[in-house]
Amino acid sequence: MYYSICGLSVAATLNLPGGLAVPPVPDPDVSVSIGEIPDDPNTPDYVGTAWRLVGRRFYLEVPGVVRLMVHDGREIVAQPLSAVTETDIAPFILSTGFAAILHQRRLLALHAATVAWKGQAITLCGPTGAGKSTLSAALCQAGADFVGDDIAAIRTDGPDGTPVVWPDGRQHRLWADAIEHLTLAERQGAPIRSHMRKFHVAPSSPVERAGDACPLAAVILLRTRENTLPPGPPGIERLALADAASLLRREVYRPSLARCMGHDPLLFLQIAALLDRVPVFRLERTRGLEHLDASATLVLDAMTRAG
C-alpha cells in the first residue's frame, strides 16, 4: 500500500488508516513494515521515557502494544508485543514514528491540525486535548478544506521563501461527543484504537491531490482558559514577534526528541523563516463545545484581517 504522509511517499505492508492513498512509486521516501526488532548492542546516545536514540536509529516501546524502530529518515519497523491489531499499532507509527522520520530529515514538524481557507493553510497548534481536530472539523463545516491532522510538516526552503504545509490525508480524529455536536455520525469510521471512543471521521472537503503543498497563511495557538477565569466566548489576538517565537518553539512535535537529535539550531532558523512571512495568533477559550462555532468564526476573521 502506498501513501503520501507529510509530503513523503510511503510504502507500507500494513494499513495506515486515514493515510492519503497514492499510486505505487518506484523509490518511496519511507518504508513501513512489520518485523522483529533485534536488541541494539550499541550504547544509547540518549534515553527518554520509553524511548532511546542510538546514532541514526530511534527506538520506542509502548508496553504491551508495539516496539518501533525508525532509521535514518527512511524506514519504520513495527514489532507487535501482544495480540494487538494493526489498528492499535498504526497510531504510534503515524504519530511518534513519523515525528522521528521528520526530525531525522530535519523538517519542521508542529503538533497541529491544518485546514486551507481559499487556498491558504491555517495551522492549529496546541497540546494533546486542546481541541485541534475538533476545531479543524468545525472550520471544514464552515467551508475550509481539510489538509491534515496531528502533525504539520512545514518546509521553509522553497524558491520564494513562502512556508508551505504538505497534505497527508489523515482524517479528523474526534471523540464521540464532538461527532454528535457536529452531526458527523454519517462520516464516522473506525475507532483510533480498539478500546477508545475516539474515531476516524472523513472530512467533508478533503484535499484532493497529494502533491499540492498549501502556502501557510496563519498559525493559531490554542490555549484553554484556566478555571479561575470566568467562562465566556473565545478571544483571539495577534502575537508580537518575540512572543510568537517563544511560544511556537513549544509547539514542535516531540520537542525533546528533536533536541536530542541536534535539530535545535536548525529549528531556530526554520521558525524565524516562518515568522518572517506568517502571522501567529493566540486563541483562548474555555473547555467544552458550546463556543466551537464562535472559535471557528474568530479564526476566519483573523485570516481576513491578516490578508
Protein backbone atom coordinates (compact mmCIF):
# COMPACT_ATOMS: atom_id res chain seq x y z
CA MET A 1 0.00 0.00 0.00
CA TYR A 2 1.27 3.43 -0.91
CA TYR A 3 0.54 6.71 0.84
CA SER A 4 1.55 10.33 0.91
CA ILE A 5 2.21 11.36 4.52
CA CYS A 6 3.60 14.78 5.43
CA GLY A 7 4.67 15.23 1.81
CA LEU A 8 6.66 11.98 1.78
CA SER A 9 5.89 8.95 -0.36
CA VAL A 10 5.39 5.87 1.83
CA ALA A 11 5.28 2.16 1.01
CA ALA A 12 3.65 0.16 3.82
CA THR A 13 2.95 -3.51 4.39
CA LEU A 14 0.10 -2.65 6.77
CA ASN A 15 -2.92 -0.41 6.56
CA LEU A 16 -2.40 3.13 7.85
CA PRO A 17 -5.95 4.38 8.48
CA GLY A 18 -6.59 7.84 7.14
CA GLY A 19 -3.45 7.93 5.02
CA LEU A 20 -3.73 9.59 1.63
CA ALA A 21 -3.56 6.69 -0.83
CA VAL A 22 -1.42 7.26 -3.94
CA PRO A 23 -0.33 5.11 -6.90
CA PRO A 24 2.79 2.96 -6.45
CA VAL A 25 6.10 4.80 -6.67
CA PRO A 26 9.37 3.09 -7.68
CA ASP A 27 11.54 4.58 -4.93
CA PRO A 28 9.43 5.68 -1.94
CA ASP A 29 10.86 8.07 0.62
CA VAL A 30 9.82 5.88 3.56
CA SER A 31 9.08 2.18 4.07
CA VAL A 32 6.84 0.91 6.88
CA SER A 33 6.74 -2.79 7.75
CA ILE A 34 6.01 -5.36 10.46
CA GLY A 35 9.06 -7.26 11.66
CA GLU A 36 11.31 -8.35 14.50
CA ILE A 37 13.49 -5.65 16.01
CA PRO A 38 16.71 -7.09 17.43
CA ASP A 39 18.36 -5.61 20.51
CA ASP A 40 20.81 -2.88 19.58
CA PRO A 41 24.22 -3.71 21.11
CA ASN A 42 25.42 -0.10 20.99
CA THR A 43 25.24 2.28 23.95
CA PRO A 44 22.35 4.75 23.57
CA ASP A 45 23.22 8.37 22.93
CA TYR A 46 20.08 9.43 24.78
CA VAL A 47 17.44 7.63 26.83
CA GLY A 48 13.96 9.06 27.39
CA THR A 49 10.69 7.78 28.75
CA ALA A 50 10.03 4.58 26.76
CA TRP A 51 12.48 5.61 24.01
CA ARG A 52 16.17 5.70 23.21
CA LEU A 53 18.35 7.12 20.48
CA VAL A 54 21.29 5.19 19.07
CA GLY A 55 23.01 7.09 16.29
CA ARG A 56 20.52 7.38 13.41
CA ARG A 57 18.18 4.82 14.97
CA PHE A 58 15.27 5.75 17.21
CA TYR A 59 13.56 3.11 19.35
CA LEU A 60 10.17 3.41 21.04
CA GLU A 61 8.44 0.79 23.17
CA VAL A 62 4.80 1.04 24.17
CA PRO A 63 4.43 -1.69 26.83
CA GLY A 64 2.14 -4.48 25.73
CA VAL A 65 1.43 -2.87 22.35
CA VAL A 66 4.34 -2.24 19.99
CA ARG A 67 8.06 -1.65 19.62
CA LEU A 68 9.15 0.76 16.88
CA MET A 69 12.49 1.29 15.18
CA VAL A 70 12.91 4.37 12.99
CA HIS A 71 16.08 4.53 10.92
CA ASP A 72 17.71 7.41 9.06
CA GLY A 73 14.51 9.15 8.00
CA ARG A 74 13.66 6.31 5.61
CA GLU A 75 12.42 3.25 7.50
CA ILE A 76 9.93 2.34 10.23
CA VAL A 77 9.73 -1.22 11.55
CA ALA A 78 6.92 -2.14 13.97
CA GLN A 79 7.00 -5.23 16.18
CA PRO A 80 3.70 -6.09 17.91
CA LEU A 81 4.21 -7.03 21.55
CA SER A 82 0.93 -8.91 22.07
CA ALA A 83 -2.19 -9.93 20.19
CA VAL A 84 -2.92 -6.38 19.07
CA THR A 85 -4.37 -5.41 15.72
CA GLU A 86 -2.85 -3.20 13.04
CA THR A 87 -5.43 -0.60 14.08
CA ASP A 88 -3.82 -0.45 17.53
CA ILE A 89 -0.30 -0.14 16.09
CA ALA A 90 -0.95 2.43 13.39
CA PRO A 91 -1.49 5.48 15.69
CA PHE A 92 2.02 5.12 17.11
CA ILE A 93 3.51 4.81 13.63
CA LEU A 94 1.63 7.88 12.40
CA SER A 95 2.46 9.99 15.47
CA THR A 96 5.81 9.41 17.17
CA GLY A 97 7.10 7.22 14.34
CA PHE A 98 6.63 9.90 11.71
CA ALA A 99 7.75 12.64 14.09
CA ALA A 100 11.08 10.79 14.30
CA ILE A 101 11.17 10.49 10.49
CA LEU A 102 10.62 14.24 10.09
CA HIS A 103 13.22 15.16 12.72
CA GLN A 104 15.75 12.81 11.12
CA ARG A 105 15.07 14.58 7.82
CA ARG A 106 15.49 17.97 9.52
CA LEU A 107 11.98 19.17 8.72
CA LEU A 108 9.89 21.48 10.90
CA ALA A 109 7.14 19.34 12.47
CA LEU A 110 4.47 21.08 14.54
CA HIS A 111 1.88 19.41 16.77
CA ALA A 112 -1.05 20.73 14.77
CA ALA A 113 -4.11 20.16 12.65
CA THR A 114 -4.30 22.08 9.37
CA VAL A 115 -7.06 23.30 7.09
CA ALA A 116 -6.99 25.50 4.00
CA TRP A 117 -9.14 28.59 3.51
CA LYS A 118 -9.27 29.96 -0.03
CA GLY A 119 -6.10 28.04 -0.88
CA GLN A 120 -4.16 29.26 2.18
CA ALA A 121 -3.24 26.97 5.07
CA ILE A 122 -4.23 27.62 8.68
CA THR A 123 -2.29 25.55 11.19
CA LEU A 124 -3.93 24.97 14.59
CA CYS A 125 -1.29 24.20 17.23
CA GLY A 126 -1.79 23.03 20.77
CA PRO A 127 -1.10 20.27 23.29
CA THR A 128 -2.99 16.99 23.34
CA GLY A 129 -6.59 17.69 24.32
CA ALA A 130 -6.55 21.32 23.19
CA GLY A 131 -9.22 20.63 20.56
CA LYS A 132 -7.17 20.91 17.37
CA SER A 133 -9.05 18.20 15.49
CA THR A 134 -12.45 19.40 16.71
CA LEU A 135 -11.81 22.98 15.63
CA SER A 136 -10.46 21.83 12.26
CA ALA A 137 -13.70 19.86 11.74
CA ALA A 138 -15.76 22.95 12.61
CA LEU A 139 -13.71 25.01 10.15
CA CYS A 140 -14.34 22.43 7.43
CA GLN A 141 -18.07 22.71 8.10
CA ALA A 142 -17.64 26.48 7.65
CA GLY A 143 -16.14 25.96 4.19
CA ALA A 144 -12.46 25.22 4.74
CA ASP A 145 -10.64 22.29 3.13
CA PHE A 146 -9.05 19.59 5.28
CA VAL A 147 -5.25 19.31 4.97
CA GLY A 148 -4.04 17.14 7.87
CA ASP A 149 -4.40 16.13 11.49
CA ASP A 150 -1.92 15.89 14.39
CA ILE A 151 1.36 16.71 12.58
CA ALA A 152 2.01 19.65 10.27
CA ALA A 153 5.19 19.17 8.22
CA ILE A 154 6.32 22.63 7.16
CA ARG A 155 9.00 23.49 4.65
CA THR A 156 10.54 26.94 4.65
CA ASP A 157 13.23 26.38 1.99
CA GLY A 158 11.13 26.91 -1.15
CA PRO A 159 12.34 29.09 -4.02
CA ASP A 160 10.37 32.16 -2.91
CA GLY A 161 10.70 31.56 0.84
CA THR A 162 6.98 31.03 1.45
CA PRO A 163 6.41 28.38 4.16
CA VAL A 164 4.22 25.55 2.91
CA VAL A 165 2.33 22.68 4.57
CA TRP A 166 2.07 19.32 2.84
CA PRO A 167 -1.28 17.49 2.96
CA ASP A 168 -1.20 13.91 4.19
CA GLY A 169 -4.82 12.84 4.09
CA ARG A 170 -5.23 11.92 7.72
CA GLN A 171 -8.85 12.07 8.70
CA HIS A 172 -10.26 14.01 11.61
CA ARG A 173 -9.81 12.15 14.89
CA LEU A 174 -12.77 13.07 17.06
CA TRP A 175 -14.29 11.99 20.34
CA ALA A 176 -17.86 10.76 20.30
CA ASP A 177 -19.27 13.94 21.87
CA ALA A 178 -17.64 16.13 19.20
CA ILE A 179 -19.03 13.88 16.46
CA GLU A 180 -22.51 14.26 17.92
CA HIS A 181 -22.16 18.02 18.37
CA LEU A 182 -21.01 18.49 14.77
CA THR A 183 -23.59 15.98 13.42
CA LEU A 184 -20.87 13.93 11.71
CA ALA A 185 -22.16 10.46 12.58
CA GLU A 186 -22.57 9.56 8.90
CA ARG A 187 -18.86 10.22 8.34
CA GLN A 188 -17.69 8.29 11.40
CA GLY A 189 -15.26 5.47 10.71
CA ALA A 190 -13.27 3.01 12.78
CA PRO A 191 -12.02 3.86 16.28
CA ILE A 192 -8.47 5.20 16.58
CA ARG A 193 -7.71 2.24 18.82
CA SER A 194 -10.00 -0.69 19.51
CA HIS A 195 -10.81 0.35 23.10
CA MET A 196 -11.25 4.09 22.52
CA ARG A 197 -14.33 6.24 21.95
CA LYS A 198 -12.31 8.38 19.56
CA PHE A 199 -12.90 7.77 15.85
CA HIS A 200 -11.63 8.49 12.39
CA VAL A 201 -14.05 10.87 10.68
CA ALA A 202 -13.95 11.53 6.96
CA PRO A 203 -13.61 15.29 6.30
CA SER A 204 -16.38 16.97 4.34
CA SER A 205 -13.89 18.63 1.99
CA PRO A 206 -10.59 16.72 1.89
CA VAL A 207 -7.51 17.71 -0.05
CA GLU A 208 -7.63 16.08 -3.48
CA ARG A 209 -4.02 15.78 -4.55
CA ALA A 210 -1.03 14.70 -2.52
CA GLY A 211 1.44 16.78 -4.50
CA ASP A 212 -0.11 20.17 -3.82
CA ALA A 213 1.54 21.97 -0.91
CA CYS A 214 -0.52 24.73 0.70
CA PRO A 215 1.13 28.09 1.39
CA LEU A 216 0.93 28.80 5.10
CA ALA A 217 -1.03 31.96 5.88
CA ALA A 218 -1.53 31.80 9.66
CA VAL A 219 -0.64 29.84 12.79
CA ILE A 220 -3.22 29.67 15.57
CA LEU A 221 -2.04 28.70 19.06
CA LEU A 222 -4.92 27.14 21.01
CA ARG A 223 -4.98 27.89 24.72
CA THR A 224 -7.53 26.81 27.32
CA ARG A 225 -8.57 29.41 29.89
CA GLU A 226 -7.79 28.50 33.47
CA ASN A 227 -10.65 27.59 35.77
CA THR A 228 -10.01 30.76 37.77
CA LEU A 229 -11.10 32.89 34.83
CA PRO A 230 -14.80 33.43 34.15
CA PRO A 231 -16.24 31.29 31.35
CA GLY A 232 -17.36 33.05 28.23
CA PRO A 233 -16.86 33.40 24.50
CA PRO A 234 -13.42 32.85 22.98
CA GLY A 235 -10.98 35.63 22.21
CA ILE A 236 -8.17 35.94 19.69
CA GLU A 237 -5.12 38.19 19.48
CA ARG A 238 -2.18 38.56 17.14
CA LEU A 239 1.11 37.95 18.93
CA ALA A 240 4.18 40.14 18.81
CA LEU A 241 7.14 38.56 17.05
CA ALA A 242 9.15 37.84 20.22
CA ASP A 243 6.18 36.19 21.96
CA ALA A 244 5.31 34.18 18.84
CA ALA A 245 8.88 32.88 18.53
CA SER A 246 8.99 31.70 22.13
CA LEU A 247 5.57 30.05 22.05
CA LEU A 248 5.92 28.45 18.63
CA ARG A 249 9.07 26.61 19.69
CA ARG A 250 6.94 24.79 22.27
CA GLU A 251 4.63 23.50 19.53
CA VAL A 252 7.29 21.36 17.88
CA TYR A 253 6.13 17.74 17.82
CA ARG A 254 8.12 15.67 20.35
CA PRO A 255 10.47 18.58 21.16
CA SER A 256 12.80 16.57 23.40
CA LEU A 257 13.40 14.14 20.55
CA ALA A 258 14.23 17.00 18.17
CA ARG A 259 16.65 18.43 20.72
CA CYS A 260 18.44 15.11 21.28
CA MET A 261 18.80 14.68 17.53
CA GLY A 262 20.62 18.00 17.35
CA HIS A 263 17.81 19.71 15.47
CA ASP A 264 17.54 22.80 17.71
CA PRO A 265 19.84 25.19 15.78
CA LEU A 266 18.05 24.48 12.50
CA LEU A 267 14.65 24.70 14.21
CA PHE A 268 15.53 28.22 15.32
CA LEU A 269 16.24 29.21 11.72
CA GLN A 270 13.12 27.45 10.39
CA ILE A 271 10.85 29.15 12.93
CA ALA A 272 12.48 32.52 12.19
CA ALA A 273 11.86 31.99 8.46
CA LEU A 274 8.23 31.09 9.18
CA LEU A 275 7.66 34.15 11.36
CA ASP A 276 9.14 36.40 8.70
CA ARG A 277 6.18 35.55 6.46
CA VAL A 278 3.36 34.23 8.67
CA PRO A 279 1.35 35.88 11.48
CA VAL A 280 0.75 33.96 14.71
CA PHE A 281 -2.46 34.32 16.74
CA ARG A 282 -3.43 33.05 20.18
CA LEU A 283 -6.99 31.76 20.52
CA GLU A 284 -8.14 31.49 24.13
CA ARG A 285 -11.32 29.64 25.04
CA THR A 286 -12.93 27.65 27.79
CA ARG A 287 -13.21 23.88 27.62
CA GLY A 288 -16.31 22.42 26.00
CA LEU A 289 -18.11 22.59 22.69
CA GLU A 290 -20.60 25.41 23.28
CA HIS A 291 -18.37 28.11 21.74
CA LEU A 292 -16.95 25.97 18.93
CA ASP A 293 -18.69 27.86 16.10
CA ALA A 294 -17.60 31.18 17.59
CA SER A 295 -14.00 29.96 17.68
CA ALA A 296 -14.15 28.99 14.01
CA THR A 297 -15.56 32.41 13.12
CA LEU A 298 -12.75 34.17 15.01
CA VAL A 299 -10.13 32.15 13.13
CA LEU A 300 -11.60 33.00 9.72
CA ASP A 301 -12.00 36.66 10.68
CA ALA A 302 -8.34 36.76 11.72
CA MET A 303 -7.37 35.32 8.34
CA THR A 304 -9.33 38.05 6.61
CA ARG A 305 -7.70 40.81 8.68
CA ALA A 306 -4.25 39.35 8.03
CA GLY A 307 -4.87 39.46 4.29
